[in-house]
Amino acid sequence: MDTYLHLVKGLDPVADAFDGTVYSDIINMKNHEEITFVIYKGVGTTGTSTITVEACDDVSASNSAAIAFDYQAITSGDTHGAMTAATTAGFTTTAGSSQLYLIRVKAQALSNNYGYVRLKAVEVANDPVLGGILAILSGPRYDQAVQATAIV
C-alpha cells in the first residue's frame, strides 16, 4: 500500500519570516494521523525564535491551547540532531543560517478534542531571518493520491 503525503504551505518564505509573533496557517487534522512542520531558516546569523504548537478549535483559532510535540534540529548539512520531546513551552531555535527544524505532532495529541493545529514562532533575538514553514500531513484516513484540502 502506498503512503500519501499532503503538503501545505504553512508560511511562504520571506526576508524577515519570524519577526515578532508569527503563526503558520491553521491546518485541519481530521483526515490525518500526523503532521510534520518543517521550518527552513535560510540566511540570518543571530535571529532566534521560540517555537510552540497550538491545537485550535476551528479555522480562526477562536480557542487554542499549546500542546507538547517532538522536534529535531538539522543545523549542519544533513546531520540530524536527536528527536527531542518539547513541552507546551516549546524550544528556542539556534542562531545561525542554513537550518532545518522538524516539528512532529500526532493528531491524538491535540488537546480539548480540537481538530486543527498551527505552529507559533515568537521572536527572541530580533534579527531578520530568511525563512518559511512547510507542513506535511501523513497517515491519511483515506488512501488517495489527491487528498481533500487541509486548509478550510
Protein backbone atom coordinates (compact mmCIF):
# COMPACT_ATOMS: atom_id res chain seq x y z
CA MET A 1 0.00 0.00 0.00
CA ASP A 2 1.30 3.46 -0.87
CA THR A 3 1.61 6.15 1.76
CA TYR A 4 0.36 9.51 0.64
CA LEU A 5 1.69 12.80 1.95
CA HIS A 6 -0.29 16.02 1.84
CA LEU A 7 1.86 19.15 1.57
CA VAL A 8 0.62 22.51 2.83
CA LYS A 9 2.32 25.90 2.63
CA GLY A 10 2.44 26.92 6.28
CA LEU A 11 4.26 30.22 5.74
CA ASP A 12 5.70 31.40 2.45
CA PRO A 13 9.44 32.20 2.55
CA VAL A 14 10.13 35.85 3.30
CA ALA A 15 13.12 38.01 4.32
CA ASP A 16 12.08 38.58 7.98
CA ALA A 17 9.92 35.49 8.36
CA PHE A 18 9.86 35.30 12.15
CA ASP A 19 9.55 39.00 13.04
CA GLY A 20 7.51 39.47 16.23
CA THR A 21 4.93 36.70 16.66
CA VAL A 22 4.17 34.64 13.57
CA TYR A 23 1.68 31.81 13.03
CA SER A 24 1.54 29.20 10.30
CA ASP A 25 -1.74 28.57 8.53
CA ILE A 26 -4.24 26.65 10.66
CA ILE A 27 -4.41 23.08 9.37
CA ASN A 28 -7.25 20.58 9.66
CA MET A 29 -6.05 17.27 11.13
CA LYS A 30 -9.32 15.31 10.92
CA ASN A 31 -8.18 13.16 7.98
CA HIS A 32 -4.57 12.56 9.02
CA GLU A 33 -2.71 10.87 11.87
CA GLU A 34 0.33 13.14 11.96
CA ILE A 35 1.70 16.48 10.84
CA THR A 36 5.34 17.48 10.45
CA PHE A 37 6.11 21.16 10.26
CA VAL A 38 9.41 21.95 8.53
CA ILE A 39 10.93 25.30 9.45
CA TYR A 40 13.62 26.33 6.98
CA LYS A 41 15.91 29.10 8.19
CA GLY A 42 18.00 30.35 5.29
CA VAL A 43 20.12 33.43 5.88
CA GLY A 44 20.11 35.03 9.33
CA THR A 45 23.09 34.99 11.63
CA THR A 46 21.68 35.93 15.07
CA GLY A 47 17.86 35.80 14.89
CA THR A 48 16.13 33.19 17.06
CA SER A 49 12.54 32.29 17.91
CA THR A 50 10.68 30.25 20.47
CA ILE A 51 8.65 27.60 18.66
CA THR A 52 5.40 26.21 20.06
CA VAL A 53 2.47 24.29 18.61
CA GLU A 54 -1.17 25.12 19.28
CA ALA A 55 -4.25 22.96 18.94
CA CYS A 56 -7.18 25.06 17.66
CA ASP A 57 -10.92 24.53 17.79
CA ASP A 58 -11.63 25.94 14.33
CA VAL A 59 -10.02 27.62 11.32
CA SER A 60 -9.96 31.02 13.01
CA ALA A 61 -8.49 29.71 16.29
CA SER A 62 -11.38 31.04 18.36
CA ASN A 63 -9.87 28.90 21.11
CA SER A 64 -6.36 27.46 21.17
CA ALA A 65 -4.10 25.61 23.57
CA ALA A 66 -0.36 24.95 23.47
CA ILE A 67 0.48 21.24 23.18
CA ALA A 68 3.58 19.09 23.62
CA PHE A 69 5.38 17.87 20.49
CA ASP A 70 8.63 16.33 19.26
CA TYR A 71 11.26 18.17 17.27
CA GLN A 72 14.57 17.57 15.54
CA ALA A 73 17.17 20.14 14.50
CA ILE A 74 19.28 19.85 11.36
CA THR A 75 21.82 22.64 11.77
CA SER A 76 24.77 21.28 9.79
CA GLY A 77 24.33 19.89 6.29
CA ASP A 78 22.25 16.74 6.57
CA THR A 79 23.33 15.82 10.11
CA HIS A 80 20.18 15.25 12.12
CA GLY A 81 20.09 16.01 15.83
CA ALA A 82 18.24 13.75 18.24
CA MET A 83 14.44 13.71 18.24
CA THR A 84 13.57 15.70 21.36
CA ALA A 85 10.33 15.98 23.32
CA ALA A 86 9.20 19.56 23.83
CA THR A 87 6.72 20.67 26.48
CA THR A 88 3.97 23.20 25.84
CA ALA A 89 6.65 25.89 26.41
CA GLY A 90 8.37 24.80 23.19
CA PHE A 91 12.02 25.37 22.32
CA THR A 92 14.21 28.18 21.03
CA THR A 93 15.93 27.90 17.66
CA THR A 94 19.70 28.24 17.40
CA ALA A 95 21.28 31.40 15.97
CA GLY A 96 22.73 30.82 12.52
CA SER A 97 21.96 30.30 8.86
CA SER A 98 21.01 27.24 6.81
CA GLN A 99 19.00 25.27 9.36
CA LEU A 100 16.00 22.95 9.32
CA TYR A 101 13.71 22.08 12.20
CA LEU A 102 11.23 19.20 12.02
CA ILE A 103 8.28 19.53 14.40
CA ARG A 104 6.14 16.38 14.68
CA VAL A 105 2.63 16.28 16.11
CA LYS A 106 0.30 13.28 16.38
CA ALA A 107 -3.40 14.05 15.89
CA GLN A 108 -4.16 12.28 19.16
CA ALA A 109 -2.02 14.90 21.00
CA LEU A 110 -4.42 17.73 20.13
CA SER A 111 -5.98 18.90 23.39
CA ASN A 112 -9.66 19.54 24.16
CA ASN A 113 -10.66 17.40 21.17
CA TYR A 114 -9.60 20.26 18.90
CA GLY A 115 -9.24 19.22 15.25
CA TYR A 116 -6.89 21.91 13.96
CA VAL A 117 -3.24 22.79 14.55
CA ARG A 118 -0.82 25.64 13.87
CA LEU A 119 2.80 26.45 14.58
CA LYS A 120 3.68 29.62 16.53
CA ALA A 121 7.04 31.41 16.42
CA VAL A 122 7.85 34.23 18.86
CA GLU A 123 10.99 36.20 18.08
CA VAL A 124 13.61 36.08 20.85
CA ALA A 125 16.68 37.69 19.24
CA ASN A 126 15.49 40.43 16.87
CA ASP A 127 17.48 39.97 13.68
CA PRO A 128 15.95 39.21 10.26
CA VAL A 129 15.90 35.56 9.22
CA LEU A 130 15.01 34.48 5.69
CA GLY A 131 12.73 31.50 6.13
CA GLY A 132 9.44 29.74 5.73
CA ILE A 133 7.33 26.86 7.03
CA LEU A 134 6.15 23.75 5.16
CA ALA A 135 3.59 21.38 6.70
CA ILE A 136 3.47 17.71 5.73
CA LEU A 137 0.41 15.67 6.71
CA SER A 138 0.82 11.89 6.80
CA GLY A 139 -1.18 8.82 7.74
CA PRO A 140 -4.27 9.70 5.72
CA ARG A 141 -7.61 8.32 6.79
CA TYR A 142 -8.35 7.55 3.13
CA ASP A 143 -5.57 6.41 0.81
CA GLN A 144 -5.89 8.51 -2.32
CA ALA A 145 -3.42 10.39 -4.44
CA VAL A 146 -5.21 13.73 -4.06
CA GLN A 147 -6.38 14.49 -0.52
CA ALA A 148 -9.09 16.95 0.37
CA THR A 149 -7.77 20.36 1.35
CA ALA A 150 -6.42 20.67 4.87
CA ILE A 151 -6.91 24.44 5.00
CA VAL A 152 -10.57 25.23 5.26
